[in-house]
Amino acid sequence: MPRWLLRGAADFPVSAVNPRNDVDRENQNYNLKVKHDFGPVVFDSVSNFQRTTSFQVTDLTDSLVFSKLTGLPPAFFSVPGADIANIGIGENTWMQELRLSAPKESAIAWTTGLNLFHTEVGLDGNARSVTPAFATATGIRNNGFTTDSYAAFGEATVPLVGALKGTLGLRATHEEKTASYRYRGVGTPGTVASYAQDLGLKDDLLTGRTGLSYDWARDFMTCATVARGYVTGGFPANSINNPLGKPEVPFAASTSWTYETGFKSELFGHRVKLTGALFFNDVKNGHLFVFNVPTASFTVATLDYQSSGGELAGTVRVTPGFEVFGGVGITRAELVNVPLGSATGAKSGGRVPNVAPVTANVGFQYQVSAAPLGLKGDFFVRGNYQFVGTRAADVANSFDLPSYGVVNGKFGWKGQNFDTYVFANNLLDERYEAFGQSFGPTTQSVRVGQGRIVGLGATAKF
């Protein structure tokens, strides 16, 4: 997919890269879940391995974008191979979680366990450019990143008085991260011949939540929670300083407080289910992406922001096997405590990028027995429409990305331990504006969302 497309171009979305970008991507995901009820306790083990590899051949300049930006004719940026990058990315991730929990009938609901996580990312690039703006994109890079996380967690919900219950959960985590940057120049003016840098960090964090819930009736409950979040700092994946002989700068950890209250209810003999919630988030040093115009690249900025809003969702069982569902979300998210004259272009009171003030969805699911065809299990069909409202394109609120909606569908057969299905995401092939970057007051670029995807899937349980 192109790095950027000129917003408002004739026949949008249209790309003017030369040669055409080529991306070859492969994903592998393996899961193993083991569960056993020992009576007094229930044991769960979840093992996961993921491998992602991709290779990209990318033209760094789009003739439409850079012609509008510079005033030069499009042909100036259409020389094949003049501004081109070959990028290979490989990532391996391992996760192992072990849990012990109380059986369902226990008066006190509890769970405790351990989580081990390891990831390795390798990024190799070879880029050349005759365009001065891409000097920091040129050269040969061999960058590597690792993350090791070790966590112990536990949570319990205890009856207090009558129908009032209290919940307390804690998670203690130790994380270690490393980054290795290796750069070799290719003679681009302004860049160094070589640069090497190694970084590492260790962090210990304690997160958790506490809350109260009250069962007003068998089919109606309310709850309120307070949660503490923490995201460790890290290192930029895109090394834009090394080519200039400067070190890459790590970004700080992010912390947050989340306050939420909500309800769950079932009405009319369990035919109608309603859930709702109100929330407020206070985030310090949130990790937000910022587009750097001089280098035409993205960096991570740590900015404070707050968000508040509400969600309402419902499901109605019209007939046995046929349900309709829908929901709506309202969110207000704004930047706070931004220093005056921030290099990011952000200002206090500005909107957090890509957070829509209104989101909604509506859909249906129909399930019918497969017995008339001599099969066990059920056939099912599911469809839904998802709406995302207008939102800010970047932290500087340079322009807005318009609202959009997509239609998704799924049809298949489901047995006791096996199901198979066909699916279509973005069935109508809506090419909506997903992300935005501003090169200046007169030149806006965007990335469009993924077009129609049709595929087959299957799930087996044993």
Protein backbone atom coordinates (compact mmCIF):
# COMPACT_ATOMS: atom_id res chain seq x y z
CA MET A 1 0.00 0.00 0.00
CA PRO A 2 1.38 3.47 -0.86
CA ARG A 3 2.96 5.44 1.98
CA TRP A 4 0.80 8.44 1.09
CA LEU A 5 -1.73 9.57 -1.48
CA LEU A 6 -2.50 13.14 -2.48
CA ARG A 7 -5.76 14.13 -0.84
CA GLY A 8 -8.22 15.61 -3.30
CA ALA A 9 -6.42 14.32 -6.39
CA ALA A 10 -8.50 13.56 -9.46
CA ASP A 11 -9.67 9.92 -9.45
CA PHE A 12 -8.71 9.60 -5.75
CA PRO A 13 -7.40 7.26 -4.46
CA VAL A 14 -4.63 7.31 -7.04
CA SER A 15 -0.89 6.74 -6.62
CA ALA A 16 1.90 8.13 -8.81
CA VAL A 17 4.90 6.17 -7.57
CA ASN A 18 7.39 4.72 -10.05
CA PRO A 19 7.98 1.83 -9.79
CA ARG A 20 4.79 0.65 -8.15
CA ASN A 21 5.18 -0.32 -4.49
CA ASP A 22 5.40 -4.06 -3.93
CA VAL A 23 4.71 -5.69 -0.55
CA ASP A 24 5.07 -9.40 0.17
CA ARG A 25 3.80 -10.32 3.65
CA GLU A 26 3.37 -13.64 5.44
CA ASN A 27 1.78 -14.31 8.84
CA GLN A 28 1.84 -17.46 10.94
CA ASN A 29 -0.07 -17.83 14.21
CA TYR A 30 -0.13 -20.95 16.38
CA ASN A 31 -2.19 -21.35 19.58
CA LEU A 32 -2.38 -24.16 22.08
CA LYS A 33 -4.93 -24.01 24.91
CA VAL A 34 -5.11 -26.61 27.65
CA LYS A 35 -7.80 -26.58 30.34
CA HIS A 36 -8.48 -29.02 33.17
CA ASP A 37 -10.90 -28.90 36.10
CA PHE A 38 -9.25 -30.35 39.18
CA GLY A 39 -12.31 -29.68 41.33
CA PRO A 40 -11.02 -27.12 43.86
CA VAL A 41 -9.20 -25.24 41.09
CA VAL A 42 -9.34 -24.90 37.30
CA PHE A 43 -6.05 -24.94 35.39
CA ASP A 44 -5.54 -23.09 32.09
CA SER A 45 -2.48 -22.95 29.88
CA VAL A 46 -2.28 -20.71 26.82
CA SER A 47 0.72 -20.98 24.47
CA ASN A 48 1.16 -18.80 21.40
CA PHE A 49 3.75 -18.30 18.70
CA GLN A 50 3.49 -15.71 15.94
CA ARG A 51 5.84 -15.11 13.04
CA THR A 52 5.50 -12.22 10.61
CA THR A 53 7.79 -11.56 7.67
CA SER A 54 7.49 -8.91 5.00
CA PHE A 55 9.54 -7.47 2.19
CA GLN A 56 8.74 -4.11 0.63
CA VAL A 57 9.98 -2.31 -2.42
CA THR A 58 8.92 1.30 -1.98
CA ASP A 59 9.23 4.43 -4.11
CA LEU A 60 9.80 7.19 -1.56
CA THR A 61 8.34 9.92 -3.75
CA ASP A 62 4.82 10.16 -5.13
CA SER A 63 4.81 12.50 -8.15
CA LEU A 64 1.40 13.96 -7.31
CA VAL A 65 2.28 14.72 -3.67
CA PHE A 66 5.73 16.18 -4.24
CA SER A 67 4.80 18.09 -7.36
CA LYS A 68 2.08 19.91 -5.43
CA LEU A 69 4.42 20.45 -2.49
CA THR A 70 7.37 21.86 -4.48
CA GLY A 71 5.77 23.25 -7.63
CA LEU A 72 8.09 21.13 -9.77
CA PRO A 73 6.61 19.12 -12.65
CA PRO A 74 5.50 15.54 -11.81
CA ALA A 75 8.09 14.15 -14.26
CA PHE A 76 10.85 15.41 -11.94
CA PHE A 77 9.81 12.79 -9.37
CA SER A 78 8.98 10.00 -11.82
CA VAL A 79 12.48 8.70 -12.53
CA PRO A 80 12.34 4.93 -11.83
CA GLY A 81 14.66 3.90 -9.01
CA ALA A 82 15.75 7.46 -8.14
CA ASP A 83 14.13 7.37 -4.70
CA ILE A 84 13.65 3.76 -3.70
CA ALA A 85 13.85 1.68 -0.52
CA ASN A 86 14.03 -2.08 -0.05
CA ILE A 87 12.86 -3.01 3.45
CA GLY A 88 12.69 -6.41 5.11
CA ILE A 89 10.97 -6.93 8.47
CA GLY A 90 10.87 -10.09 10.53
CA GLU A 91 9.17 -10.55 13.89
CA ASN A 92 8.91 -13.59 16.15
CA THR A 93 6.75 -13.53 19.28
CA TRP A 94 6.35 -16.16 22.00
CA MET A 95 3.78 -16.02 24.83
CA GLN A 96 3.08 -18.49 27.63
CA GLU A 97 0.42 -17.95 30.29
CA LEU A 98 -0.48 -20.26 33.17
CA ARG A 99 -3.63 -19.61 35.24
CA LEU A 100 -5.35 -21.11 38.27
CA SER A 101 -8.91 -20.02 38.99
CA ALA A 102 -11.86 -20.84 41.19
CA PRO A 103 -14.63 -23.10 39.86
CA LYS A 104 -17.80 -21.38 38.68
CA GLU A 105 -19.86 -22.19 41.77
CA SER A 106 -17.37 -20.62 44.21
CA ALA A 107 -18.63 -17.81 46.42
CA ILE A 108 -15.33 -16.00 45.84
CA ALA A 109 -14.29 -15.70 42.20
CA TRP A 110 -10.53 -15.54 41.82
CA THR A 111 -7.75 -16.15 39.34
CA THR A 112 -3.97 -15.99 39.56
CA GLY A 113 -1.16 -16.78 37.19
CA LEU A 114 2.09 -16.07 35.38
CA ASN A 115 2.71 -14.58 31.94
CA LEU A 116 5.95 -14.82 29.95
CA PHE A 117 6.40 -12.82 26.75
CA HIS A 118 9.32 -12.51 24.32
CA THR A 119 9.56 -10.79 20.97
CA GLU A 120 12.37 -10.27 18.45
CA VAL A 121 12.12 -7.78 15.60
CA GLY A 122 14.64 -7.36 12.80
CA LEU A 123 14.49 -4.47 10.33
CA ASP A 124 16.85 -4.45 7.35
CA GLY A 125 16.77 -1.67 4.79
CA ASN A 126 18.66 -0.47 1.75
CA ALA A 127 17.58 2.90 0.34
CA ARG A 128 18.90 5.47 -2.12
CA SER A 129 17.49 8.85 -3.02
CA VAL A 130 18.27 11.94 -5.06
CA THR A 131 15.62 13.96 -3.23
CA PRO A 132 17.16 16.00 -0.35
CA ALA A 133 14.14 15.42 1.88
CA PHE A 134 14.98 11.72 2.02
CA ALA A 135 18.62 11.99 3.02
CA THR A 136 17.86 10.40 6.40
CA ALA A 137 15.97 7.58 4.68
CA THR A 138 18.98 6.49 2.63
CA GLY A 139 21.68 4.02 3.53
CA ILE A 140 21.90 0.42 4.67
CA ARG A 141 20.26 -0.37 8.01
CA ASN A 142 20.34 -3.46 10.19
CA ASN A 143 18.24 -2.71 13.27
CA GLY A 144 17.14 -5.21 15.90
CA PHE A 145 14.81 -4.98 18.89
CA THR A 146 13.93 -7.40 21.69
CA THR A 147 11.39 -7.31 24.51
CA ASP A 148 11.19 -9.69 27.47
CA SER A 149 8.31 -9.42 29.89
CA TYR A 150 7.69 -11.44 33.07
CA ALA A 151 4.42 -10.87 34.93
CA ALA A 152 2.53 -12.29 37.91
CA PHE A 153 -1.11 -11.41 38.36
CA GLY A 154 -4.12 -12.09 40.49
CA GLU A 155 -7.69 -10.88 40.88
CA ALA A 156 -10.52 -11.71 43.26
CA THR A 157 -14.18 -10.72 43.54
CA VAL A 158 -15.55 -11.07 47.07
CA PRO A 159 -19.13 -10.71 48.41
CA LEU A 160 -19.26 -7.78 50.86
CA VAL A 161 -22.75 -6.92 52.08
CA GLY A 162 -25.87 -8.41 50.55
CA ALA A 163 -25.67 -8.08 46.76
CA LEU A 164 -22.60 -5.81 46.94
CA LYS A 165 -19.31 -7.31 45.69
CA GLY A 166 -15.78 -5.92 45.66
CA THR A 167 -13.03 -6.64 43.14
CA LEU A 168 -9.29 -6.15 43.45
CA GLY A 169 -6.72 -7.12 40.84
CA LEU A 170 -2.97 -6.51 40.62
CA ARG A 171 -0.30 -7.28 38.03
CA ALA A 172 3.43 -6.98 38.71
CA THR A 173 5.62 -6.87 35.59
CA HIS A 174 9.33 -6.73 34.89
CA GLU A 175 10.28 -5.70 31.35
CA GLU A 176 13.59 -5.56 29.56
CA LYS A 177 14.05 -4.01 26.11
CA THR A 178 17.06 -3.69 23.83
CA ALA A 179 17.69 -1.88 20.56
CA SER A 180 20.60 -2.33 18.18
CA TYR A 181 21.12 0.19 15.36
CA ARG A 182 23.66 -0.35 12.58
CA TYR A 183 23.94 2.13 9.71
CA ARG A 184 26.18 2.32 6.65
CA GLY A 185 26.01 5.28 4.31
CA VAL A 186 25.76 5.11 0.52
CA GLY A 187 27.32 8.49 -0.21
CA THR A 188 24.22 10.68 0.18
CA PRO A 189 25.31 14.28 0.91
CA GLY A 190 24.85 15.20 4.56
CA THR A 191 24.99 11.62 5.85
CA VAL A 192 27.85 9.85 7.67
CA ALA A 193 29.77 6.80 6.46
CA SER A 194 28.62 4.61 9.36
CA TYR A 195 27.04 4.72 12.80
CA ALA A 196 26.39 2.16 15.53
CA GLN A 197 24.27 2.45 18.66
CA ASP A 198 23.04 0.04 21.33
CA LEU A 199 20.33 0.88 23.84
CA GLY A 200 18.64 -0.95 26.68
CA LEU A 201 16.14 -0.34 29.43
CA LYS A 202 14.63 -2.19 32.36
CA ASP A 203 11.39 -1.31 34.07
CA ASP A 204 9.29 -2.65 36.94
CA LEU A 205 5.64 -1.76 36.96
CA LEU A 206 2.58 -2.41 39.08
CA THR A 207 -0.84 -2.10 37.48
CA GLY A 208 -4.28 -3.13 38.55
CA ARG A 209 -7.88 -2.26 39.19
CA THR A 210 -10.43 -2.15 41.97
CA GLY A 211 -14.17 -1.88 41.78
CA LEU A 212 -17.62 -2.46 43.23
CA SER A 213 -20.63 -4.17 41.67
CA TYR A 214 -24.22 -4.48 42.86
CA ASP A 215 -26.85 -6.97 41.69
CA TRP A 216 -30.09 -5.01 41.94
CA ALA A 217 -32.01 -7.95 40.51
CA ARG A 218 -31.24 -11.27 38.90
CA ASP A 219 -31.06 -9.62 35.48
CA PHE A 220 -29.72 -6.17 36.35
CA MET A 221 -26.35 -5.12 37.81
CA THR A 222 -24.26 -1.97 38.02
CA CYS A 223 -20.54 -1.56 38.58
CA ALA A 224 -17.81 1.04 39.00
CA THR A 225 -14.06 0.53 38.58
CA VAL A 226 -10.80 2.43 38.88
CA ALA A 227 -7.77 1.13 36.97
CA ARG A 228 -4.10 2.07 36.82
CA GLY A 229 -2.28 1.55 33.51
CA TYR A 230 1.40 1.69 32.58
CA VAL A 231 3.15 1.28 29.22
CA THR A 232 6.94 1.08 29.27
CA GLY A 233 9.04 3.41 27.18
CA GLY A 234 10.78 2.26 24.06
CA PHE A 235 12.96 2.98 21.08
CA PRO A 236 12.10 4.36 17.63
CA ALA A 237 11.91 1.69 14.94
CA ASN A 238 12.76 4.19 12.22
CA SER A 239 16.32 5.46 12.75
CA ILE A 240 16.31 8.96 11.27
CA ASN A 241 19.13 10.40 13.42
CA ASN A 242 21.85 7.79 12.84
CA PRO A 243 22.39 8.79 9.18
CA LEU A 244 23.30 12.26 10.47
CA GLY A 245 25.74 10.86 13.02
CA LYS A 246 23.36 11.42 15.94
CA PRO A 247 21.91 8.94 18.45
CA GLU A 248 18.30 7.81 18.41
CA VAL A 249 16.38 9.05 21.45
CA PRO A 250 14.20 6.67 23.54
CA PHE A 251 10.69 7.77 24.48
CA ALA A 252 9.38 7.80 28.05
CA ALA A 253 6.91 5.43 29.72
CA SER A 254 3.21 6.28 29.73
CA THR A 255 0.86 6.07 32.73
CA SER A 256 -2.90 6.33 32.98
CA TRP A 257 -5.89 6.32 35.33
CA THR A 258 -9.22 5.00 34.04
CA TYR A 259 -12.55 5.53 35.78
CA GLU A 260 -15.61 3.66 34.54
CA THR A 261 -19.17 2.97 35.61
CA GLY A 262 -21.72 0.86 33.79
CA PHE A 263 -24.63 -1.58 33.84
CA LYS A 264 -25.73 -4.90 32.38
CA SER A 265 -29.34 -5.98 32.05
CA GLU A 266 -31.59 -8.59 30.47
CA LEU A 267 -35.25 -7.86 29.77
CA PHE A 268 -38.39 -9.57 28.51
CA GLY A 269 -37.40 -13.08 29.46
CA HIS A 270 -33.77 -12.70 28.33
CA ARG A 271 -34.82 -11.68 24.81
CA VAL A 272 -33.23 -8.24 25.16
CA LYS A 273 -29.73 -7.58 26.49
CA LEU A 274 -28.50 -4.05 27.21
CA THR A 275 -25.11 -2.83 28.40
CA GLY A 276 -23.89 0.70 28.94
CA ALA A 277 -20.88 2.50 30.36
CA LEU A 278 -19.45 5.95 31.08
CA PHE A 279 -15.68 6.47 31.29
CA PHE A 280 -12.90 8.97 31.89
CA ASN A 281 -9.23 8.38 31.02
CA ASP A 282 -6.30 10.53 32.17
CA VAL A 283 -3.10 9.66 30.29
CA LYS A 284 0.38 11.01 31.00
CA ASN A 285 3.06 10.79 28.29
CA GLY A 286 0.76 8.98 25.89
CA HIS A 287 2.58 7.53 22.87
CA LEU A 288 1.31 9.34 19.76
CA PHE A 289 2.75 9.32 16.25
CA VAL A 290 3.88 12.62 14.74
CA PHE A 291 4.72 13.22 11.07
CA ASN A 292 8.07 14.96 10.63
CA VAL A 293 7.91 16.97 7.40
CA PRO A 294 11.67 17.65 6.85
CA THR A 295 12.44 13.92 6.93
CA ALA A 296 8.99 12.74 5.70
CA SER A 297 8.91 10.18 8.51
CA PHE A 298 7.00 9.31 11.67
CA THR A 299 8.29 9.68 15.22
CA VAL A 300 6.78 8.95 18.63
CA ALA A 301 5.81 11.94 20.77
CA THR A 302 4.85 11.68 24.46
CA LEU A 303 1.86 13.94 25.10
CA ASP A 304 -0.72 14.12 27.88
CA TYR A 305 -4.37 13.69 26.97
CA GLN A 306 -7.77 13.01 28.49
CA SER A 307 -10.79 11.24 27.08
CA SER A 308 -14.35 10.81 28.30
CA GLY A 309 -17.54 9.41 26.89
CA GLY A 310 -20.05 6.63 26.92
CA GLU A 311 -21.12 3.46 25.16
CA LEU A 312 -24.50 1.76 24.77
CA ALA A 313 -25.00 -1.66 23.17
CA GLY A 314 -27.94 -4.00 22.83
CA THR A 315 -29.01 -7.36 21.41
CA VAL A 316 -32.57 -8.42 20.62
CA ARG A 317 -33.51 -12.07 20.04
CA VAL A 318 -36.32 -11.67 17.49
CA THR A 319 -36.95 -15.40 17.08
CA PRO A 320 -35.00 -18.48 18.20
CA GLY A 321 -31.79 -18.37 16.19
CA PHE A 322 -32.27 -14.82 14.88
CA GLU A 323 -30.71 -11.82 16.64
CA VAL A 324 -30.19 -8.19 15.79
CA PHE A 325 -27.63 -6.08 17.58
CA GLY A 326 -26.22 -2.59 17.61
CA GLY A 327 -24.30 -0.05 19.59
CA VAL A 328 -23.16 3.55 19.69
CA GLY A 329 -20.15 5.22 21.30
CA ILE A 330 -19.54 8.88 22.12
CA THR A 331 -15.96 10.01 22.90
CA ARG A 332 -14.31 13.35 23.58
CA ALA A 333 -10.52 13.15 23.59
CA GLU A 334 -8.30 16.22 23.90
CA LEU A 335 -4.66 17.02 24.49
CA VAL A 336 -3.71 18.66 27.81
CA ASN A 337 -0.58 20.18 29.39
CA VAL A 338 1.10 20.66 25.98
CA PRO A 339 4.10 23.03 26.28
CA LEU A 340 3.69 26.28 24.37
CA GLY A 341 5.41 26.15 20.99
CA SER A 342 5.67 22.35 20.96
CA ALA A 343 7.63 21.12 17.94
CA THR A 344 4.84 18.61 17.31
CA GLY A 345 2.40 21.40 16.43
CA ALA A 346 0.05 20.18 19.15
CA LYS A 347 -1.78 22.55 21.49
CA SER A 348 -3.69 22.05 24.71
CA GLY A 349 -7.36 21.58 23.89
CA GLY A 350 -6.58 20.03 20.52
CA ARG A 351 -8.22 16.75 19.57
CA VAL A 352 -6.37 13.45 19.91
CA PRO A 353 -5.76 12.14 16.36
CA ASN A 354 -7.89 9.37 14.90
CA VAL A 355 -10.34 9.30 17.81
CA ALA A 356 -13.84 9.67 16.38
CA PRO A 357 -16.41 11.51 18.51
CA VAL A 358 -19.09 9.09 17.26
CA THR A 359 -18.87 5.40 16.39
CA ALA A 360 -21.73 2.99 15.80
CA ASN A 361 -22.53 -0.49 14.55
CA VAL A 362 -25.63 -2.46 13.65
CA GLY A 363 -26.01 -6.03 12.48
CA PHE A 364 -27.73 -9.40 12.63
CA GLN A 365 -27.00 -13.08 13.07
CA TYR A 366 -29.16 -15.99 11.98
CA GLN A 367 -28.48 -19.57 13.01
CA VAL A 368 -30.42 -22.63 11.84
CA SER A 369 -29.98 -26.37 12.33
CA ALA A 370 -28.17 -28.30 9.61
CA ALA A 371 -30.14 -31.47 10.42
CA PRO A 372 -32.45 -31.20 7.34
CA LEU A 373 -29.33 -31.74 5.23
CA GLY A 374 -28.23 -34.69 7.34
CA LEU A 375 -25.49 -32.74 9.13
CA LYS A 376 -24.85 -32.08 12.77
CA GLY A 377 -24.42 -28.54 14.05
CA ASP A 378 -25.82 -25.31 12.63
CA PHE A 379 -25.49 -23.06 9.63
CA PHE A 380 -25.04 -19.38 10.42
CA VAL A 381 -24.92 -16.06 8.61
CA ARG A 382 -23.78 -12.79 10.13
CA GLY A 383 -23.65 -9.27 8.74
CA ASN A 384 -22.84 -5.90 10.24
CA TYR A 385 -22.29 -2.26 9.37
CA GLN A 386 -19.62 -0.24 11.20
CA PHE A 387 -19.58 3.57 11.22
CA VAL A 388 -16.66 5.81 12.25
CA GLY A 389 -17.19 9.56 12.50
CA THR A 390 -15.04 12.52 11.47
CA ARG A 391 -11.74 12.75 13.36
CA ALA A 392 -8.50 14.76 13.46
CA ALA A 393 -5.75 13.54 11.14
CA ASP A 394 -2.76 14.47 13.35
CA VAL A 395 -1.76 15.98 16.70
CA ALA A 396 -1.64 19.44 15.15
CA ASN A 397 -5.26 19.03 13.94
CA SER A 398 -4.11 20.10 10.46
CA PHE A 399 -7.23 18.68 8.81
CA ASP A 400 -10.04 16.20 9.42
CA LEU A 401 -10.52 12.71 8.06
CA PRO A 402 -14.14 12.27 6.91
CA SER A 403 -16.54 9.74 8.39
CA TYR A 404 -16.97 6.33 6.75
CA GLY A 405 -18.82 3.07 7.04
CA VAL A 406 -18.00 -0.51 6.06
CA VAL A 407 -20.11 -3.64 5.61
CA ASN A 408 -18.84 -7.06 6.73
CA GLY A 409 -20.34 -10.50 6.23
CA LYS A 410 -19.75 -14.09 7.32
CA PHE A 411 -21.42 -17.41 6.42
CA GLY A 412 -20.56 -20.89 7.60
CA TRP A 413 -21.26 -24.09 9.49
CA LYS A 414 -20.58 -24.63 13.19
CA GLY A 415 -20.28 -27.99 14.94
CA GLN A 416 -19.42 -28.88 18.52
CA ASN A 417 -15.66 -28.88 18.00
CA PHE A 418 -15.23 -27.58 14.47
CA ASP A 419 -16.49 -24.72 12.33
CA THR A 420 -15.76 -23.48 8.83
CA TYR A 421 -16.82 -20.28 7.13
CA VAL A 422 -16.36 -17.78 4.31
CA PHE A 423 -16.06 -14.09 5.13
CA ALA A 424 -15.97 -10.72 3.42
CA ASN A 425 -14.57 -7.66 5.18
CA ASN A 426 -15.38 -4.25 3.67
CA LEU A 427 -17.77 -5.97 1.28
CA LEU A 428 -18.55 -2.79 -0.70
CA ASP A 429 -14.83 -1.98 -1.15
CA GLU A 430 -15.00 1.41 0.60
CA ARG A 431 -11.64 3.21 0.21
CA TYR A 432 -11.91 5.47 3.23
CA GLU A 433 -9.21 7.80 4.57
CA ALA A 434 -7.63 5.88 7.45
CA PHE A 435 -4.61 8.05 8.37
CA GLY A 436 -3.46 11.52 7.40
CA GLN A 437 -0.21 13.48 7.11
CA SER A 438 0.17 17.18 6.41
CA PHE A 439 3.16 18.40 4.38
CA GLY A 440 1.96 21.98 4.76
CA PRO A 441 -1.10 24.22 4.32
CA THR A 442 -1.54 23.29 0.65
CA THR A 443 -0.47 19.63 0.59
CA GLN A 444 -2.31 16.97 2.51
CA SER A 445 -1.70 13.26 2.10
CA VAL A 446 -3.55 10.23 3.43
CA ARG A 447 -3.45 6.49 3.58
CA VAL A 448 -6.61 4.67 2.64
CA GLY A 449 -8.07 1.73 4.49
CA GLN A 450 -7.84 -1.86 3.37
CA GLY A 451 -10.20 -2.64 0.48
CA ARG A 452 -12.44 -5.68 0.14
CA ILE A 453 -11.03 -8.90 1.64
CA VAL A 454 -12.70 -12.25 0.91
CA GLY A 455 -11.45 -15.44 2.48
CA LEU A 456 -12.01 -18.86 4.06
CA GLY A 457 -11.51 -19.83 7.68
CA ALA A 458 -11.83 -22.80 10.01
CA THR A 459 -11.48 -23.45 13.74
CA ALA A 460 -10.93 -26.79 15.45
CA LYS A 461 -11.15 -27.54 19.20
CA PHE A 462 -9.66 -30.65 20.74
